[in-house]
């Protein structure tokens, strides 16, 4: 296909068509792969859960909160990730983070 004679608008339209077709084909390929995996598992008598059991990382429990807002006890923070605004304001005011510890 010679693309040099197409206008910019025609190329953008073609790009959109390509993106739609790729999504459709990827979805179809995924469905086919699932069907094949299920067929293989059934033919050898292995439950699918056993096949993916090793590949799926077990979910660990949630992390307990380590800090609580003294002005609003419903606001808690585990100490992981970005500091909530109330923690940042506490620390910026010169107070120690340990003052919020539960």
N, C-alpha and C. Protein backbone atom coordinates (compact mmCIF):
# COMPACT_ATOMS: atom_id res chain seq x y z
N UNK A 1 0.85 -1.18 0.00
CA UNK A 1 0.00 0.00 0.00
C UNK A 1 0.89 1.24 0.00
N UNK A 2 0.68 2.10 -0.95
CA UNK A 2 1.46 3.32 -1.08
C UNK A 2 0.79 4.42 -0.25
N UNK A 3 1.47 4.88 0.81
CA UNK A 3 0.91 5.88 1.71
C UNK A 3 1.29 7.30 1.32
N UNK A 4 2.20 7.45 0.38
CA UNK A 4 2.70 8.78 0.04
C UNK A 4 1.65 9.67 -0.61
N UNK A 5 0.65 9.09 -1.21
CA UNK A 5 -0.37 9.90 -1.88
C UNK A 5 -1.55 10.25 -0.98
N UNK A 6 -1.54 9.77 0.26
CA UNK A 6 -2.65 10.06 1.17
C UNK A 6 -2.44 11.38 1.88
N UNK A 7 -3.54 12.07 2.16
CA UNK A 7 -3.48 13.34 2.90
C UNK A 7 -3.29 13.03 4.39
N UNK A 8 -2.99 14.05 5.15
CA UNK A 8 -2.83 13.88 6.60
C UNK A 8 -4.11 13.36 7.23
N UNK A 9 -5.25 13.89 6.80
CA UNK A 9 -6.54 13.45 7.35
C UNK A 9 -6.78 11.98 7.03
N UNK A 10 -6.44 11.58 5.80
CA UNK A 10 -6.62 10.18 5.42
C UNK A 10 -5.69 9.28 6.23
N UNK A 11 -4.48 9.74 6.49
CA UNK A 11 -3.54 8.95 7.29
C UNK A 11 -4.03 8.81 8.73
N UNK A 12 -4.59 9.89 9.29
CA UNK A 12 -5.12 9.81 10.66
C UNK A 12 -6.30 8.84 10.71
N UNK A 13 -7.16 8.88 9.71
CA UNK A 13 -8.28 7.96 9.64
C UNK A 13 -7.79 6.53 9.54
N UNK A 14 -6.78 6.31 8.75
CA UNK A 14 -6.20 4.98 8.61
C UNK A 14 -5.59 4.52 9.93
N UNK A 15 -4.96 5.43 10.64
CA UNK A 15 -4.37 5.11 11.93
C UNK A 15 -5.46 4.68 12.93
N UNK A 16 -6.57 5.40 12.94
CA UNK A 16 -7.68 5.04 13.83
C UNK A 16 -8.24 3.66 13.47
N UNK A 17 -8.36 3.40 12.18
CA UNK A 17 -8.84 2.09 11.74
C UNK A 17 -7.88 0.98 12.18
N UNK A 18 -6.58 1.25 12.07
CA UNK A 18 -5.58 0.28 12.49
C UNK A 18 -5.67 0.00 13.99
N UNK A 19 -5.82 1.04 14.78
CA UNK A 19 -5.92 0.88 16.23
C UNK A 19 -7.14 0.05 16.60
N UNK A 20 -8.28 0.31 15.95
CA UNK A 20 -9.49 -0.47 16.22
C UNK A 20 -9.29 -1.93 15.84
N UNK A 21 -8.70 -2.16 14.69
CA UNK A 21 -8.48 -3.53 14.22
C UNK A 21 -7.50 -4.27 15.12
N UNK A 22 -6.45 -3.57 15.58
CA UNK A 22 -5.50 -4.20 16.49
C UNK A 22 -6.16 -4.60 17.80
N UNK A 23 -6.98 -3.72 18.36
CA UNK A 23 -7.69 -4.05 19.60
C UNK A 23 -8.58 -5.27 19.41
N UNK A 24 -9.29 -5.29 18.29
CA UNK A 24 -10.19 -6.40 17.99
C UNK A 24 -9.40 -7.70 17.88
N UNK A 25 -8.31 -7.66 17.15
CA UNK A 25 -7.51 -8.88 16.97
C UNK A 25 -6.85 -9.34 18.26
N UNK A 26 -6.37 -8.41 19.06
CA UNK A 26 -5.78 -8.77 20.35
C UNK A 26 -6.82 -9.44 21.24
N UNK A 27 -8.03 -8.92 21.22
CA UNK A 27 -9.11 -9.52 22.00
C UNK A 27 -9.43 -10.93 21.50
N UNK A 28 -9.47 -11.09 20.18
CA UNK A 28 -9.73 -12.41 19.61
C UNK A 28 -8.61 -13.38 19.93
N UNK A 29 -7.36 -12.93 19.84
CA UNK A 29 -6.21 -13.78 20.17
C UNK A 29 -6.24 -14.22 21.63
N UNK A 30 -6.61 -13.31 22.49
CA UNK A 30 -6.69 -13.63 23.91
C UNK A 30 -7.78 -14.67 24.16
N UNK A 31 -8.93 -14.51 23.51
CA UNK A 31 -10.02 -15.48 23.66
C UNK A 31 -9.59 -16.86 23.15
N UNK A 32 -8.89 -16.90 22.02
CA UNK A 32 -8.41 -18.17 21.48
C UNK A 32 -7.42 -18.83 22.44
N UNK A 33 -6.52 -18.04 22.99
CA UNK A 33 -5.53 -18.58 23.91
C UNK A 33 -6.21 -19.16 25.15
N UNK A 34 -7.21 -18.47 25.66
CA UNK A 34 -7.95 -18.98 26.83
C UNK A 34 -8.62 -20.32 26.50
N UNK A 35 -9.25 -20.37 25.34
CA UNK A 35 -9.92 -21.61 24.93
C UNK A 35 -8.91 -22.76 24.82
N UNK A 36 -7.76 -22.49 24.24
CA UNK A 36 -6.74 -23.53 24.09
C UNK A 36 -6.22 -23.99 25.44
N UNK A 37 -5.98 -23.06 26.34
CA UNK A 37 -5.50 -23.42 27.68
C UNK A 37 -6.53 -24.27 28.41
N UNK A 38 -7.79 -23.85 28.35
CA UNK A 38 -8.86 -24.63 29.00
C UNK A 38 -8.96 -26.02 28.40
N UNK A 39 -8.85 -26.13 27.07
CA UNK A 39 -8.95 -27.42 26.41
C UNK A 39 -7.80 -28.33 26.82
N UNK A 40 -6.60 -27.79 26.87
CA UNK A 40 -5.44 -28.60 27.29
C UNK A 40 -5.60 -29.04 28.74
N UNK A 41 -6.01 -28.12 29.61
CA UNK A 41 -6.18 -28.46 31.02
C UNK A 41 -7.23 -29.54 31.20
N UNK A 42 -8.35 -29.44 30.48
CA UNK A 42 -9.41 -30.45 30.58
C UNK A 42 -8.94 -31.79 30.04
N UNK A 43 -8.15 -31.77 28.97
CA UNK A 43 -7.72 -33.03 28.36
C UNK A 43 -6.79 -33.82 29.26
N UNK A 44 -6.05 -33.14 30.13
CA UNK A 44 -5.16 -33.85 31.04
C UNK A 44 -5.72 -33.91 32.47
N UNK A 45 -6.90 -33.36 32.66
CA UNK A 45 -7.56 -33.44 33.95
C UNK A 45 -6.98 -32.54 35.03
N UNK A 46 -6.40 -31.42 34.62
CA UNK A 46 -5.81 -30.48 35.58
C UNK A 46 -6.73 -29.27 35.70
N UNK A 47 -7.14 -28.92 36.92
CA UNK A 47 -7.94 -27.71 37.09
C UNK A 47 -7.13 -26.46 36.73
N UNK A 48 -7.78 -25.52 36.10
CA UNK A 48 -7.10 -24.29 35.67
C UNK A 48 -6.52 -23.56 36.87
N UNK A 49 -7.19 -23.62 38.01
CA UNK A 49 -6.67 -22.96 39.21
C UNK A 49 -5.28 -23.48 39.56
N UNK A 50 -5.05 -24.77 39.37
CA UNK A 50 -3.73 -25.34 39.66
C UNK A 50 -2.68 -24.83 38.67
N UNK A 51 -3.10 -24.56 37.45
CA UNK A 51 -2.15 -24.06 36.46
C UNK A 51 -1.66 -22.66 36.79
N UNK A 52 -2.56 -21.82 37.21
CA UNK A 52 -2.17 -20.43 37.48
C UNK A 52 -1.82 -20.19 38.93
N UNK A 53 -1.99 -21.18 39.77
CA UNK A 53 -1.73 -21.02 41.20
C UNK A 53 -0.33 -20.54 41.50
N UNK A 54 0.67 -21.07 40.81
CA UNK A 54 2.04 -20.66 41.06
C UNK A 54 2.37 -19.30 40.49
N UNK A 55 1.65 -18.90 39.46
CA UNK A 55 1.96 -17.64 38.79
C UNK A 55 1.33 -16.44 39.50
N UNK A 56 0.30 -16.68 40.25
CA UNK A 56 -0.39 -15.58 40.92
C UNK A 56 0.18 -15.41 42.32
N UNK A 57 0.64 -14.22 42.61
CA UNK A 57 1.20 -13.94 43.92
C UNK A 57 0.05 -13.83 44.93
N UNK A 58 0.14 -14.55 46.02
CA UNK A 58 -0.95 -14.46 47.00
C UNK A 58 -1.03 -13.07 47.60
N UNK A 59 -2.23 -12.62 47.83
CA UNK A 59 -2.44 -11.30 48.40
C UNK A 59 -2.10 -11.34 49.88
N UNK A 60 -1.29 -10.41 50.28
CA UNK A 60 -0.93 -10.33 51.69
C UNK A 60 -1.95 -9.45 52.40
N UNK A 61 -1.96 -9.50 53.69
CA UNK A 61 -2.89 -8.69 54.46
C UNK A 61 -2.59 -7.22 54.34
N UNK A 62 -3.53 -6.40 54.69
CA UNK A 62 -3.31 -4.96 54.61
C UNK A 62 -2.36 -4.53 55.73
N UNK A 63 -1.72 -3.42 55.52
CA UNK A 63 -0.76 -2.90 56.47
C UNK A 63 -1.51 -2.06 57.51
N UNK A 64 -1.15 -2.26 58.74
CA UNK A 64 -1.81 -1.52 59.82
C UNK A 64 -1.38 -0.05 59.80
N UNK A 65 -2.29 0.81 60.17
CA UNK A 65 -1.98 2.24 60.24
C UNK A 65 -0.99 2.48 61.37
N UNK A 66 -0.06 3.39 61.14
CA UNK A 66 0.95 3.71 62.15
C UNK A 66 0.79 5.12 62.69
N UNK A 67 0.05 5.95 61.94
CA UNK A 67 -0.12 7.35 62.33
C UNK A 67 -1.58 7.74 62.25
N UNK A 68 -2.02 8.61 63.16
CA UNK A 68 -3.41 9.06 63.18
C UNK A 68 -3.44 10.57 63.36
N UNK A 69 -4.37 11.20 62.66
CA UNK A 69 -4.54 12.64 62.77
C UNK A 69 -5.21 12.95 64.10
N UNK A 70 -4.57 13.72 64.96
CA UNK A 70 -5.19 14.02 66.26
C UNK A 70 -6.46 14.86 66.14
N UNK A 71 -6.60 15.62 65.05
CA UNK A 71 -7.79 16.44 64.86
C UNK A 71 -8.95 15.65 64.29
N UNK A 72 -8.66 14.54 63.61
CA UNK A 72 -9.70 13.72 62.99
C UNK A 72 -9.23 12.27 63.01
N UNK A 73 -9.70 11.51 63.97
CA UNK A 73 -9.20 10.14 64.17
C UNK A 73 -9.55 9.19 63.02
N UNK A 74 -10.43 9.61 62.13
CA UNK A 74 -10.75 8.76 60.98
C UNK A 74 -9.64 8.80 59.92
N UNK A 75 -8.77 9.80 60.00
CA UNK A 75 -7.67 9.92 59.06
C UNK A 75 -6.44 9.21 59.63
N UNK A 76 -6.02 8.16 58.93
CA UNK A 76 -4.88 7.38 59.36
C UNK A 76 -3.93 7.18 58.19
N UNK A 77 -2.67 6.87 58.51
CA UNK A 77 -1.66 6.65 57.48
C UNK A 77 -0.77 5.50 57.91
N UNK A 78 -0.42 4.65 56.96
CA UNK A 78 0.42 3.48 57.25
C UNK A 78 1.89 3.83 57.37
N UNK A 79 2.28 4.98 56.86
CA UNK A 79 3.69 5.34 56.84
C UNK A 79 4.33 4.98 55.52
N UNK A 80 3.54 4.40 54.63
CA UNK A 80 4.03 4.03 53.31
C UNK A 80 3.46 4.98 52.26
N UNK A 81 4.25 5.19 51.22
CA UNK A 81 3.77 6.04 50.14
C UNK A 81 3.84 7.51 50.50
N UNK A 82 3.17 8.28 49.71
CA UNK A 82 3.19 9.74 49.86
C UNK A 82 2.47 10.14 51.15
N UNK A 83 3.04 11.12 51.83
CA UNK A 83 2.42 11.60 53.07
C UNK A 83 1.11 12.32 52.78
N UNK A 84 0.07 12.02 53.54
CA UNK A 84 -1.17 12.77 53.39
C UNK A 84 -0.94 14.24 53.76
N UNK A 85 -1.84 15.08 53.31
CA UNK A 85 -1.71 16.52 53.54
C UNK A 85 -1.62 16.83 55.03
N UNK A 86 -2.42 16.16 55.83
CA UNK A 86 -2.42 16.46 57.27
C UNK A 86 -1.09 16.07 57.92
N UNK A 87 -0.43 15.04 57.43
CA UNK A 87 0.88 14.66 57.96
C UNK A 87 1.92 15.69 57.55
N UNK A 88 1.87 16.08 56.27
CA UNK A 88 2.83 17.07 55.77
C UNK A 88 2.69 18.39 56.53
N UNK A 89 1.46 18.82 56.77
CA UNK A 89 1.23 20.06 57.52
C UNK A 89 1.78 19.95 58.93
N UNK A 90 1.61 18.79 59.55
CA UNK A 90 2.10 18.53 60.91
C UNK A 90 3.63 18.67 60.95
N UNK A 91 4.30 18.01 60.03
CA UNK A 91 5.76 18.02 59.98
C UNK A 91 6.27 19.41 59.59
N UNK A 92 5.62 20.07 58.64
CA UNK A 92 6.03 21.42 58.22
C UNK A 92 5.89 22.45 59.33
N UNK A 93 4.99 22.18 60.27
CA UNK A 93 4.83 23.12 61.39
C UNK A 93 5.91 22.94 62.45
N UNK A 94 6.84 22.02 62.23
CA UNK A 94 7.96 21.83 63.15
C UNK A 94 7.74 20.72 64.16
N UNK A 95 6.63 20.02 64.07
CA UNK A 95 6.36 18.95 65.03
C UNK A 95 6.94 17.64 64.51
N UNK A 96 7.30 16.77 65.45
CA UNK A 96 7.90 15.48 65.10
C UNK A 96 6.82 14.52 64.62
N UNK A 97 7.18 13.71 63.65
CA UNK A 97 6.25 12.70 63.12
C UNK A 97 5.82 11.73 64.21
N UNK A 98 6.70 11.47 65.17
CA UNK A 98 6.35 10.55 66.26
C UNK A 98 5.15 11.04 67.08
N UNK A 99 4.84 12.31 66.99
CA UNK A 99 3.69 12.84 67.69
C UNK A 99 2.37 12.35 67.15
N UNK A 100 2.40 11.77 65.95
CA UNK A 100 1.19 11.23 65.33
C UNK A 100 1.09 9.71 65.47
N UNK A 101 2.13 9.11 65.98
CA UNK A 101 2.18 7.65 66.06
C UNK A 101 1.06 7.09 66.92
N UNK A 102 0.47 6.00 66.43
CA UNK A 102 -0.64 5.36 67.15
C UNK A 102 -0.08 4.53 68.29
